N, C-alpha and C. Protein backbone atom coordinates (compact mmCIF):
# COMPACT_ATOMS: atom_id res chain seq x y z
N UNK A 1 163.15 55.96 -41.84
CA UNK A 1 162.69 57.19 -42.45
C UNK A 1 162.71 58.27 -41.39
N UNK A 2 163.27 59.42 -41.70
CA UNK A 2 163.34 60.52 -40.75
C UNK A 2 164.77 60.82 -40.39
N UNK A 3 164.95 61.91 -39.66
CA UNK A 3 166.28 62.31 -39.23
C UNK A 3 166.76 61.48 -38.06
N UNK A 4 167.94 61.82 -37.54
CA UNK A 4 168.52 61.00 -36.48
C UNK A 4 167.72 61.10 -35.19
N UNK A 5 167.04 62.23 -34.95
CA UNK A 5 166.28 62.36 -33.70
C UNK A 5 164.80 62.04 -33.88
N UNK A 6 164.33 61.96 -35.12
CA UNK A 6 162.93 61.67 -35.38
C UNK A 6 162.84 60.48 -36.31
N UNK A 7 162.15 59.47 -35.89
CA UNK A 7 161.98 58.27 -36.71
C UNK A 7 160.50 57.97 -36.83
N UNK A 8 160.09 57.56 -38.01
CA UNK A 8 158.72 57.13 -38.24
C UNK A 8 158.72 55.62 -38.35
N UNK A 9 157.68 55.02 -37.87
CA UNK A 9 157.59 53.58 -37.82
C UNK A 9 156.46 53.11 -38.73
N UNK A 10 156.61 51.94 -39.27
CA UNK A 10 155.56 51.26 -40.03
C UNK A 10 155.07 52.07 -41.23
N UNK A 11 155.96 52.41 -42.13
CA UNK A 11 155.60 53.05 -43.39
C UNK A 11 155.30 51.96 -44.40
N UNK A 12 154.10 51.96 -44.94
CA UNK A 12 153.69 50.97 -45.93
C UNK A 12 153.29 51.69 -47.20
N UNK A 13 153.85 51.32 -48.32
CA UNK A 13 153.49 51.87 -49.61
C UNK A 13 152.94 50.77 -50.49
N UNK A 14 151.88 51.09 -51.19
CA UNK A 14 151.33 50.17 -52.17
C UNK A 14 151.30 50.94 -53.48
N UNK A 15 152.03 50.52 -54.47
CA UNK A 15 152.14 51.29 -55.71
C UNK A 15 153.38 52.15 -55.65
N UNK A 16 153.39 53.24 -56.38
CA UNK A 16 154.58 54.08 -56.45
C UNK A 16 154.54 55.15 -55.38
N UNK A 17 155.70 55.59 -54.97
CA UNK A 17 155.79 56.67 -54.00
C UNK A 17 157.13 57.36 -54.14
N UNK A 18 157.15 58.67 -53.98
CA UNK A 18 158.37 59.45 -54.03
C UNK A 18 158.29 60.49 -52.94
N UNK A 19 159.31 60.55 -52.13
CA UNK A 19 159.36 61.54 -51.08
C UNK A 19 160.57 62.42 -51.34
N UNK A 20 160.33 63.70 -51.54
CA UNK A 20 161.41 64.64 -51.78
C UNK A 20 161.45 65.66 -50.66
N UNK A 21 162.36 66.59 -50.77
CA UNK A 21 162.46 67.62 -49.75
C UNK A 21 161.23 68.53 -49.83
N UNK A 22 160.72 68.94 -48.67
CA UNK A 22 159.56 69.82 -48.63
C UNK A 22 160.07 71.25 -48.52
N UNK A 23 160.25 71.87 -49.65
CA UNK A 23 160.61 73.28 -49.72
C UNK A 23 159.60 73.96 -50.61
N UNK A 24 159.83 75.24 -50.92
CA UNK A 24 158.86 75.95 -51.77
C UNK A 24 158.77 75.32 -53.15
N UNK A 25 159.78 74.56 -53.57
CA UNK A 25 159.69 73.91 -54.88
C UNK A 25 159.69 72.39 -54.77
N UNK A 26 159.75 71.88 -53.54
CA UNK A 26 159.80 70.43 -53.36
C UNK A 26 158.43 69.80 -53.39
N UNK A 27 158.41 68.50 -53.60
CA UNK A 27 157.16 67.76 -53.67
C UNK A 27 157.21 66.55 -52.77
N UNK A 28 156.06 66.19 -52.26
CA UNK A 28 155.88 64.89 -51.65
C UNK A 28 154.81 64.21 -52.49
N UNK A 29 155.16 63.10 -53.09
CA UNK A 29 154.21 62.36 -53.91
C UNK A 29 153.77 61.11 -53.16
N UNK A 30 152.50 60.87 -53.12
CA UNK A 30 151.97 59.61 -52.62
C UNK A 30 150.95 59.18 -53.66
N UNK A 31 151.25 58.14 -54.40
CA UNK A 31 150.42 57.88 -55.56
C UNK A 31 150.23 56.40 -55.81
N UNK A 32 149.00 56.04 -56.03
CA UNK A 32 148.69 54.74 -56.63
C UNK A 32 147.82 54.96 -57.86
N UNK A 33 147.23 56.16 -57.97
CA UNK A 33 146.35 56.46 -59.09
C UNK A 33 146.48 57.90 -59.58
N UNK A 34 147.60 58.54 -59.31
CA UNK A 34 147.78 59.92 -59.74
C UNK A 34 147.53 60.93 -58.65
N UNK A 35 147.35 60.50 -57.41
CA UNK A 35 147.12 61.42 -56.30
C UNK A 35 148.45 62.01 -55.85
N UNK A 36 148.45 63.31 -55.60
CA UNK A 36 149.69 64.00 -55.24
C UNK A 36 149.41 64.96 -54.09
N UNK A 37 150.31 64.99 -53.13
CA UNK A 37 150.33 66.00 -52.09
C UNK A 37 151.63 66.77 -52.31
N UNK A 38 151.53 68.08 -52.50
CA UNK A 38 152.75 68.83 -52.79
C UNK A 38 152.72 70.20 -52.15
N UNK A 39 153.91 70.70 -51.90
CA UNK A 39 154.11 72.05 -51.42
C UNK A 39 154.67 72.81 -52.61
N UNK A 40 153.86 73.69 -53.19
CA UNK A 40 154.27 74.40 -54.40
C UNK A 40 154.19 75.89 -54.14
N UNK A 41 155.35 76.54 -54.08
CA UNK A 41 155.37 77.98 -53.86
C UNK A 41 154.78 78.39 -52.53
N UNK A 42 154.87 77.54 -51.53
CA UNK A 42 154.34 77.87 -50.22
C UNK A 42 152.90 77.44 -50.02
N UNK A 43 152.22 76.97 -51.07
CA UNK A 43 150.83 76.53 -50.95
C UNK A 43 150.77 75.01 -50.95
N UNK A 44 150.06 74.45 -49.98
CA UNK A 44 149.90 73.01 -49.92
C UNK A 44 148.78 72.60 -50.87
N UNK A 45 149.07 71.69 -51.77
CA UNK A 45 148.09 71.24 -52.76
C UNK A 45 147.85 69.75 -52.59
N UNK A 46 146.59 69.35 -52.70
CA UNK A 46 146.22 67.95 -52.71
C UNK A 46 145.50 67.73 -54.02
N UNK A 47 146.00 66.81 -54.81
CA UNK A 47 145.48 66.62 -56.16
C UNK A 47 145.21 65.16 -56.41
N UNK A 48 144.08 64.90 -57.06
CA UNK A 48 143.75 63.55 -57.49
C UNK A 48 143.26 63.64 -58.93
N UNK A 49 144.03 63.10 -59.84
CA UNK A 49 143.69 63.18 -61.25
C UNK A 49 142.67 62.12 -61.67
N UNK A 50 142.45 61.13 -60.84
CA UNK A 50 141.65 60.00 -61.27
C UNK A 50 140.27 59.93 -60.63
N UNK A 51 140.09 60.56 -59.47
CA UNK A 51 138.86 60.33 -58.74
C UNK A 51 138.56 61.51 -57.84
N UNK A 52 137.77 61.28 -56.81
CA UNK A 52 137.43 62.31 -55.86
C UNK A 52 138.53 62.45 -54.81
N UNK A 53 138.54 63.58 -54.11
CA UNK A 53 139.43 63.80 -52.98
C UNK A 53 138.55 63.75 -51.74
N UNK A 54 138.95 62.94 -50.78
CA UNK A 54 138.17 62.77 -49.56
C UNK A 54 139.05 63.14 -48.37
N UNK A 55 138.55 64.03 -47.52
CA UNK A 55 139.22 64.37 -46.27
C UNK A 55 138.45 63.71 -45.14
N UNK A 56 139.18 63.00 -44.29
CA UNK A 56 138.54 62.24 -43.22
C UNK A 56 139.08 62.71 -41.87
N UNK A 57 138.23 62.62 -40.86
CA UNK A 57 138.61 62.92 -39.50
C UNK A 57 138.00 61.85 -38.62
N UNK A 58 138.80 61.25 -37.74
CA UNK A 58 138.33 60.19 -36.86
C UNK A 58 137.67 59.06 -37.66
N UNK A 59 138.27 58.73 -38.79
CA UNK A 59 137.83 57.66 -39.67
C UNK A 59 136.43 57.89 -40.25
N UNK A 60 136.01 59.17 -40.35
CA UNK A 60 134.72 59.54 -40.91
C UNK A 60 134.94 60.61 -41.98
N UNK A 61 134.29 60.46 -43.12
CA UNK A 61 134.42 61.44 -44.20
C UNK A 61 133.86 62.77 -43.75
N UNK A 62 134.68 63.83 -43.83
CA UNK A 62 134.26 65.18 -43.47
C UNK A 62 133.99 66.02 -44.71
N UNK A 63 134.77 65.81 -45.77
CA UNK A 63 134.65 66.62 -46.98
C UNK A 63 135.01 65.77 -48.18
N UNK A 64 134.19 65.87 -49.22
CA UNK A 64 134.47 65.20 -50.49
C UNK A 64 134.50 66.24 -51.58
N UNK A 65 135.55 66.25 -52.37
CA UNK A 65 135.64 67.10 -53.56
C UNK A 65 135.50 66.17 -54.75
N UNK A 66 134.40 66.35 -55.50
CA UNK A 66 134.16 65.42 -56.60
C UNK A 66 134.82 65.90 -57.89
N UNK A 67 134.70 65.12 -58.94
CA UNK A 67 135.37 65.42 -60.20
C UNK A 67 134.77 66.62 -60.92
N UNK A 68 133.61 67.12 -60.48
CA UNK A 68 133.00 68.33 -61.04
C UNK A 68 133.32 69.56 -60.20
N UNK A 69 134.25 69.44 -59.26
CA UNK A 69 134.68 70.50 -58.36
C UNK A 69 133.59 70.92 -57.39
N UNK A 70 132.69 70.01 -57.04
CA UNK A 70 131.70 70.25 -56.00
C UNK A 70 132.29 69.84 -54.66
N UNK A 71 132.03 70.64 -53.65
CA UNK A 71 132.46 70.32 -52.29
C UNK A 71 131.25 69.82 -51.53
N UNK A 72 131.33 68.61 -51.01
CA UNK A 72 130.23 68.01 -50.26
C UNK A 72 130.70 67.85 -48.82
N UNK A 73 130.09 68.60 -47.92
CA UNK A 73 130.45 68.55 -46.51
C UNK A 73 129.54 67.56 -45.81
N UNK A 74 130.10 66.73 -44.96
CA UNK A 74 129.32 65.71 -44.26
C UNK A 74 128.61 66.28 -43.04
N UNK A 75 129.06 67.39 -42.52
CA UNK A 75 128.46 67.98 -41.33
C UNK A 75 128.17 69.44 -41.53
N UNK A 76 128.02 70.15 -40.44
CA UNK A 76 127.74 71.59 -40.50
C UNK A 76 129.00 72.34 -40.91
N UNK A 77 128.80 73.48 -41.57
CA UNK A 77 129.90 74.32 -42.02
C UNK A 77 129.82 75.65 -41.28
N UNK A 78 130.92 76.06 -40.71
CA UNK A 78 130.96 77.33 -39.99
C UNK A 78 131.96 78.27 -40.61
N UNK A 79 131.54 79.49 -40.86
CA UNK A 79 132.44 80.55 -41.32
C UNK A 79 132.46 81.58 -40.21
N UNK A 80 133.62 81.77 -39.60
CA UNK A 80 133.73 82.70 -38.47
C UNK A 80 133.29 82.09 -37.15
N UNK A 81 133.07 80.78 -37.13
CA UNK A 81 132.70 80.09 -35.89
C UNK A 81 133.29 78.68 -35.92
N UNK A 82 133.65 78.18 -34.76
CA UNK A 82 134.18 76.82 -34.69
C UNK A 82 133.12 75.82 -34.25
N UNK A 83 131.90 76.29 -33.98
CA UNK A 83 130.84 75.37 -33.54
C UNK A 83 129.52 75.70 -34.24
N UNK A 84 129.45 75.44 -35.56
CA UNK A 84 128.20 75.74 -36.28
C UNK A 84 127.07 74.83 -35.81
N UNK A 85 125.89 75.41 -35.62
CA UNK A 85 124.75 74.66 -35.10
C UNK A 85 123.69 74.38 -36.17
N UNK A 86 124.00 74.69 -37.42
CA UNK A 86 123.08 74.46 -38.54
C UNK A 86 123.94 74.11 -39.75
N UNK A 87 123.34 73.66 -40.86
CA UNK A 87 124.14 73.29 -42.03
C UNK A 87 125.11 74.37 -42.50
N UNK A 88 124.74 75.66 -42.42
CA UNK A 88 125.66 76.75 -42.74
C UNK A 88 125.44 77.87 -41.74
N UNK A 89 126.48 78.21 -40.99
CA UNK A 89 126.43 79.32 -40.05
C UNK A 89 127.52 80.30 -40.44
N UNK A 90 127.12 81.55 -40.71
CA UNK A 90 128.07 82.61 -41.02
C UNK A 90 128.05 83.58 -39.86
N UNK A 91 129.18 83.72 -39.19
CA UNK A 91 129.31 84.63 -38.07
C UNK A 91 130.25 85.75 -38.48
N UNK A 92 129.67 86.91 -38.80
CA UNK A 92 130.48 88.05 -39.24
C UNK A 92 131.17 88.63 -38.02
N UNK A 93 132.45 88.35 -37.86
CA UNK A 93 133.17 88.75 -36.66
C UNK A 93 133.74 90.15 -36.73
N UNK A 94 134.04 90.65 -37.93
CA UNK A 94 134.68 91.96 -38.01
C UNK A 94 133.89 92.95 -38.86
N UNK A 95 132.75 92.57 -39.38
CA UNK A 95 131.94 93.44 -40.22
C UNK A 95 130.49 93.16 -39.93
N UNK A 96 129.63 94.14 -40.17
CA UNK A 96 128.21 93.90 -39.95
C UNK A 96 127.61 93.07 -41.08
N UNK A 97 128.30 92.97 -42.22
CA UNK A 97 127.77 92.18 -43.33
C UNK A 97 127.97 90.70 -43.07
N UNK A 98 126.90 89.93 -43.15
CA UNK A 98 126.98 88.51 -42.87
C UNK A 98 127.16 87.69 -44.13
N UNK A 99 126.24 87.84 -45.09
CA UNK A 99 126.30 87.06 -46.32
C UNK A 99 126.16 88.01 -47.50
N UNK A 100 126.99 87.83 -48.49
CA UNK A 100 126.91 88.61 -49.73
C UNK A 100 126.80 87.63 -50.88
N UNK A 101 125.76 87.79 -51.68
CA UNK A 101 125.59 87.00 -52.89
C UNK A 101 125.74 87.98 -54.05
N UNK A 102 126.78 87.76 -54.86
CA UNK A 102 127.02 88.71 -55.93
C UNK A 102 127.09 88.02 -57.28
N UNK A 103 126.83 88.81 -58.29
CA UNK A 103 126.86 88.34 -59.66
C UNK A 103 128.31 88.07 -60.06
N UNK A 104 128.54 87.00 -60.78
CA UNK A 104 129.87 86.61 -61.20
C UNK A 104 130.53 87.74 -62.00
N UNK A 105 131.64 88.23 -61.51
CA UNK A 105 132.41 89.25 -62.21
C UNK A 105 131.91 90.67 -62.02
N UNK A 106 130.81 90.87 -61.29
CA UNK A 106 130.28 92.22 -61.09
C UNK A 106 130.15 92.45 -59.58
N UNK A 107 131.23 92.87 -58.96
CA UNK A 107 131.24 92.99 -57.50
C UNK A 107 130.37 94.14 -57.00
N UNK A 108 129.91 95.02 -57.89
CA UNK A 108 129.07 96.14 -57.45
C UNK A 108 127.58 95.77 -57.42
N UNK A 109 127.22 94.58 -57.92
CA UNK A 109 125.82 94.14 -57.91
C UNK A 109 125.71 92.93 -56.98
N UNK A 110 125.04 93.12 -55.84
CA UNK A 110 124.94 92.02 -54.89
C UNK A 110 123.76 92.21 -53.95
N UNK A 111 123.43 91.14 -53.27
CA UNK A 111 122.44 91.14 -52.20
C UNK A 111 123.20 90.89 -50.91
N UNK A 112 122.90 91.67 -49.89
CA UNK A 112 123.56 91.54 -48.60
C UNK A 112 122.53 91.21 -47.54
N UNK A 113 122.81 90.20 -46.75
CA UNK A 113 121.98 89.85 -45.60
C UNK A 113 122.85 90.09 -44.38
N UNK A 114 122.41 90.99 -43.51
CA UNK A 114 123.29 91.36 -42.41
C UNK A 114 122.51 91.85 -41.21
N UNK A 115 123.27 92.16 -40.19
CA UNK A 115 122.73 92.81 -39.00
C UNK A 115 123.30 94.22 -38.99
N UNK A 116 122.43 95.21 -39.16
CA UNK A 116 122.86 96.59 -39.24
C UNK A 116 123.27 97.12 -37.87
N UNK A 117 123.91 98.27 -37.87
CA UNK A 117 124.26 98.94 -36.63
C UNK A 117 122.98 99.15 -35.83
N UNK A 118 122.99 98.79 -34.59
CA UNK A 118 121.79 98.89 -33.77
C UNK A 118 121.07 97.56 -33.65
N UNK A 119 121.47 96.56 -34.44
CA UNK A 119 120.93 95.23 -34.29
C UNK A 119 119.81 94.84 -35.24
N UNK A 120 119.35 95.74 -36.12
CA UNK A 120 118.29 95.39 -37.07
C UNK A 120 118.81 94.37 -38.07
N UNK A 121 117.95 93.42 -38.44
CA UNK A 121 118.28 92.45 -39.48
C UNK A 121 117.83 93.03 -40.81
N UNK A 122 118.71 92.98 -41.81
CA UNK A 122 118.47 93.71 -43.05
C UNK A 122 118.81 92.85 -44.26
N UNK A 123 117.99 92.95 -45.30
CA UNK A 123 118.30 92.40 -46.62
C UNK A 123 118.35 93.58 -47.57
N UNK A 124 119.49 93.78 -48.22
CA UNK A 124 119.69 94.90 -49.12
C UNK A 124 120.02 94.40 -50.52
N UNK A 125 119.61 95.16 -51.52
CA UNK A 125 120.00 94.93 -52.91
C UNK A 125 120.86 96.11 -53.34
N UNK A 126 122.05 95.83 -53.87
CA UNK A 126 122.97 96.88 -54.30
C UNK A 126 123.22 96.77 -55.80
N UNK A 127 123.58 97.87 -56.42
CA UNK A 127 123.97 97.85 -57.82
C UNK A 127 122.88 98.31 -58.77
N UNK A 128 121.97 99.16 -58.28
CA UNK A 128 120.94 99.75 -59.13
C UNK A 128 120.09 98.67 -59.81
N UNK A 129 119.75 97.64 -59.07
CA UNK A 129 118.92 96.54 -59.56
C UNK A 129 117.77 96.32 -58.57
N UNK A 130 116.59 95.91 -59.05
CA UNK A 130 115.48 95.65 -58.13
C UNK A 130 115.71 94.37 -57.33
N UNK A 131 115.07 94.31 -56.18
CA UNK A 131 115.09 93.11 -55.35
C UNK A 131 113.73 92.44 -55.50
N UNK A 132 113.71 91.23 -55.98
CA UNK A 132 112.46 90.48 -56.17
C UNK A 132 112.31 89.49 -55.03
N UNK A 133 111.15 89.49 -54.42
CA UNK A 133 110.82 88.50 -53.39
C UNK A 133 109.53 87.85 -53.86
N UNK A 134 109.53 86.54 -53.94
CA UNK A 134 108.31 85.92 -54.44
C UNK A 134 108.30 84.43 -54.26
N UNK A 135 107.21 83.84 -54.74
CA UNK A 135 107.00 82.40 -54.70
C UNK A 135 106.74 81.96 -56.14
N UNK A 136 107.48 80.99 -56.63
CA UNK A 136 107.35 80.56 -58.03
C UNK A 136 106.17 79.64 -58.28
N UNK A 137 105.61 79.03 -57.25
CA UNK A 137 104.48 78.13 -57.41
C UNK A 137 103.21 78.82 -56.93
N UNK A 138 102.08 78.16 -57.06
CA UNK A 138 100.79 78.72 -56.66
C UNK A 138 100.63 78.65 -55.15
N UNK A 139 101.51 79.34 -54.44
CA UNK A 139 101.48 79.40 -52.98
C UNK A 139 101.48 80.86 -52.56
N UNK A 140 100.96 81.18 -51.39
CA UNK A 140 100.92 82.58 -50.95
C UNK A 140 102.28 83.06 -50.45
N UNK A 141 102.45 84.36 -50.47
CA UNK A 141 103.58 85.02 -49.82
C UNK A 141 103.04 85.58 -48.51
N UNK A 142 103.65 85.19 -47.40
CA UNK A 142 103.12 85.52 -46.08
C UNK A 142 104.16 86.32 -45.32
N UNK A 143 103.73 87.43 -44.70
CA UNK A 143 104.59 88.22 -43.83
C UNK A 143 104.11 88.07 -42.40
N UNK A 144 105.05 87.83 -41.48
CA UNK A 144 104.72 87.61 -40.08
C UNK A 144 105.50 88.55 -39.19
N UNK A 145 104.90 88.89 -38.06
CA UNK A 145 105.62 89.51 -36.94
C UNK A 145 105.19 88.76 -35.69
N UNK A 146 106.09 88.65 -34.72
CA UNK A 146 105.81 87.95 -33.48
C UNK A 146 105.24 86.55 -33.75
N UNK A 147 105.75 85.92 -34.82
CA UNK A 147 105.34 84.59 -35.25
C UNK A 147 103.84 84.49 -35.56
N UNK A 148 103.24 85.60 -35.96
CA UNK A 148 101.82 85.65 -36.32
C UNK A 148 101.68 86.26 -37.70
N UNK A 149 100.86 85.64 -38.54
CA UNK A 149 100.64 86.17 -39.88
C UNK A 149 99.97 87.54 -39.80
N UNK A 150 100.54 88.51 -40.53
CA UNK A 150 99.99 89.87 -40.55
C UNK A 150 99.48 90.25 -41.94
N UNK A 151 100.13 89.69 -42.99
CA UNK A 151 99.73 90.03 -44.35
C UNK A 151 100.00 88.84 -45.26
N UNK A 152 99.15 88.67 -46.26
CA UNK A 152 99.26 87.56 -47.20
C UNK A 152 98.94 88.08 -48.59
N UNK A 153 99.73 87.66 -49.56
CA UNK A 153 99.40 87.86 -50.98
C UNK A 153 99.18 86.46 -51.53
N UNK A 154 97.93 86.18 -51.95
CA UNK A 154 97.65 84.82 -52.42
C UNK A 154 98.07 84.66 -53.87
N UNK A 155 97.94 83.44 -54.39
CA UNK A 155 98.44 83.13 -55.74
C UNK A 155 97.68 83.86 -56.84
N UNK A 156 96.50 84.42 -56.54
CA UNK A 156 95.76 85.19 -57.56
C UNK A 156 96.07 86.68 -57.45
N UNK A 157 96.89 87.08 -56.46
CA UNK A 157 97.27 88.49 -56.31
C UNK A 157 96.45 89.24 -55.29
N UNK A 158 95.47 88.60 -54.68
CA UNK A 158 94.68 89.25 -53.63
C UNK A 158 95.54 89.44 -52.39
N UNK A 159 95.35 90.59 -51.73
CA UNK A 159 96.13 90.93 -50.55
C UNK A 159 95.21 90.91 -49.34
N UNK A 160 95.65 90.21 -48.31
CA UNK A 160 94.93 90.18 -47.04
C UNK A 160 95.77 90.76 -45.95
N UNK A 161 95.27 91.80 -45.30
CA UNK A 161 95.93 92.37 -44.13
C UNK A 161 95.08 91.98 -42.93
N UNK A 162 95.69 91.27 -42.00
CA UNK A 162 94.97 90.66 -40.88
C UNK A 162 93.85 89.76 -41.41
N UNK A 163 94.10 89.13 -42.54
CA UNK A 163 93.12 88.22 -43.14
C UNK A 163 93.90 87.18 -43.94
N UNK A 164 93.78 85.92 -43.57
CA UNK A 164 94.54 84.86 -44.23
C UNK A 164 93.81 84.26 -45.42
N UNK A 165 92.62 84.75 -45.74
CA UNK A 165 91.87 84.24 -46.88
C UNK A 165 91.26 85.42 -47.65
N UNK A 166 92.11 86.25 -48.30
CA UNK A 166 91.56 87.42 -49.00
C UNK A 166 90.69 87.00 -50.18
N UNK A 167 89.51 87.63 -50.29
CA UNK A 167 88.58 87.30 -51.37
C UNK A 167 88.44 88.43 -52.37
N UNK A 168 89.16 89.52 -52.17
CA UNK A 168 89.13 90.67 -53.08
C UNK A 168 90.57 91.17 -53.23
N UNK A 169 90.75 92.18 -54.10
CA UNK A 169 92.09 92.71 -54.32
C UNK A 169 92.74 93.11 -53.01
N UNK A 170 91.96 93.72 -52.11
CA UNK A 170 92.46 94.07 -50.78
C UNK A 170 91.37 93.71 -49.77
N UNK A 171 91.73 92.83 -48.85
CA UNK A 171 90.81 92.44 -47.77
C UNK A 171 91.49 92.77 -46.45
N UNK A 172 90.83 93.60 -45.65
CA UNK A 172 91.37 93.97 -44.34
C UNK A 172 90.39 93.47 -43.30
N UNK A 173 90.88 92.76 -42.33
CA UNK A 173 89.96 92.27 -41.31
C UNK A 173 90.61 91.27 -40.40
N UNK A 174 89.83 90.69 -39.52
CA UNK A 174 90.29 89.73 -38.54
C UNK A 174 90.80 88.48 -39.24
N UNK A 175 91.91 87.94 -38.75
CA UNK A 175 92.46 86.71 -39.34
C UNK A 175 91.42 85.61 -39.27
N UNK A 176 91.26 84.92 -40.40
CA UNK A 176 90.28 83.84 -40.43
C UNK A 176 90.97 82.50 -40.49
């Protein structure tokens, strides 16, 4: 298998296999259950009609695409970085916008989490819609600076400024 100057050794097929020319309309089929690797119109496609698609590196699963089109990554995912240090790291290399969450089909309505010019960290709501920040369970909403609680809204709606146990609509005082 291969040209006169390039030879491949130890090709083993189990089931059916077809190798054609790899051009913009050519296909390479490797199949025992409907799995296909093909070059179609310049795009490389990997298809499995029967099961999940698994990409492995160093004999370890790196990515699984399941039959519901969910992508399951085994390690950290980096966008704009080759060494992500958390489950998802987005490094905006050419724009100050880091993450944009937008409504399906409405690109003018979105939330942006970014680092503004000058280095401020910002959460913005765009598209003439309110931004809701809250807690769905009976837990307080806490605002901190310098890793110290400065304000709390408890589950009954009482607000404490420099008070972690507000007993009235507004309680201002030393943190308790």
